[in-house]
């Protein structure tokens, strides 16, 4: 039985990535992976898989590397949302 995906706004997605609760960050990455699998662009799907395969970096909100990771994940999420079939994006 297919599960329904709950889409987040870009702000909600970024908030999940910045959450002090590790599960929220992992859940956001998992959502990114699942949505990329539904996207129309195979190259984007591979790019997301490469990004998410590295996992979640050490949580440090003021670390430039962590912030760059959040920005990259958020950018990928926005691109994936644009590529979703209308049936999922609605």
Protein backbone atom coordinates (compact mmCIF):
# COMPACT_ATOMS: atom_id res chain seq x y z
CA UNK A 1 0.00 0.00 0.00
CA UNK A 2 1.59 3.33 -1.05
CA UNK A 3 2.07 5.89 1.68
CA UNK A 4 0.99 9.49 1.26
CA UNK A 5 3.83 11.98 1.31
CA UNK A 6 3.31 15.07 3.45
CA UNK A 7 4.91 17.98 1.60
CA UNK A 8 6.55 20.70 3.64
CA UNK A 9 6.95 24.31 2.65
CA UNK A 10 10.54 25.38 2.06
CA UNK A 11 10.52 27.18 5.43
CA UNK A 12 9.20 24.08 7.21
CA UNK A 13 11.80 21.90 5.51
CA UNK A 14 14.60 24.24 6.56
CA UNK A 15 13.26 24.34 10.13
CA UNK A 16 13.34 20.53 10.24
CA UNK A 17 16.96 20.56 9.06
CA UNK A 18 17.89 23.04 11.79
CA UNK A 19 15.99 21.26 14.54
CA UNK A 20 18.02 20.24 17.59
CA UNK A 21 16.17 16.91 17.43
CA UNK A 22 18.21 14.57 15.23
CA UNK A 23 15.12 12.61 14.15
CA UNK A 24 13.68 15.75 12.53
CA UNK A 25 16.80 16.27 10.42
CA UNK A 26 16.84 12.62 9.35
CA UNK A 27 13.12 12.71 8.56
CA UNK A 28 13.64 15.79 6.36
CA UNK A 29 16.42 14.07 4.42
CA UNK A 30 14.25 10.98 4.00
CA UNK A 31 11.45 13.16 2.62
CA UNK A 32 13.91 14.72 0.18
CA UNK A 33 14.99 11.24 -0.99
CA UNK A 34 11.42 10.01 -1.41
CA UNK A 35 10.32 13.09 -3.32
CA UNK A 36 13.38 12.96 -5.57
CA UNK A 37 12.32 9.43 -6.48
CA UNK A 38 9.04 10.86 -7.74
CA UNK A 39 10.61 13.76 -9.64
CA UNK A 40 10.72 13.82 -13.43
CA UNK A 41 14.49 14.47 -13.66
CA UNK A 42 16.75 11.42 -13.25
CA UNK A 43 19.85 13.64 -12.92
CA UNK A 44 18.27 15.49 -10.01
CA UNK A 45 17.37 12.16 -8.42
CA UNK A 46 21.02 11.06 -8.63
CA UNK A 47 22.20 14.41 -7.25
CA UNK A 48 19.86 14.07 -4.27
CA UNK A 49 20.98 10.49 -3.66
CA UNK A 50 24.63 11.53 -3.70
CA UNK A 51 23.89 14.37 -1.26
CA UNK A 52 21.80 12.31 1.15
CA UNK A 53 24.20 9.36 1.10
CA UNK A 54 26.63 11.52 3.07
CA UNK A 55 24.13 11.70 5.91
CA UNK A 56 23.58 14.48 8.40
CA UNK A 57 26.61 16.49 9.54
CA UNK A 58 27.38 17.27 13.16
CA UNK A 59 24.69 19.61 14.50
CA UNK A 60 26.16 23.06 15.03
CA UNK A 61 23.88 25.93 14.04
CA UNK A 62 26.71 28.46 13.97
CA UNK A 63 29.12 26.30 11.97
CA UNK A 64 29.55 27.48 8.36
CA UNK A 65 29.79 23.88 7.11
CA UNK A 66 26.49 22.95 8.77
CA UNK A 67 24.82 26.06 7.36
CA UNK A 68 26.15 25.29 3.88
CA UNK A 69 24.69 21.78 4.21
CA UNK A 70 21.30 23.24 5.20
CA UNK A 71 21.39 25.62 2.25
CA UNK A 72 22.33 22.86 -0.19
CA UNK A 73 19.58 20.57 1.13
CA UNK A 74 17.04 23.40 0.95
CA UNK A 75 18.07 24.21 -2.62
CA UNK A 76 17.69 20.59 -3.64
CA UNK A 77 14.29 20.43 -1.94
CA UNK A 78 13.10 23.47 -3.90
CA UNK A 79 14.32 21.96 -7.16
CA UNK A 80 12.64 18.64 -6.38
CA UNK A 81 9.34 20.36 -5.58
CA UNK A 82 9.42 22.02 -9.00
CA UNK A 83 9.91 18.65 -10.70
CA UNK A 84 7.09 16.77 -8.94
CA UNK A 85 4.18 15.46 -10.95
CA UNK A 86 1.05 17.52 -10.47
CA UNK A 87 -0.64 14.64 -8.66
CA UNK A 88 1.91 14.94 -5.82
CA UNK A 89 2.40 18.69 -5.86
CA UNK A 90 -1.30 19.44 -5.45
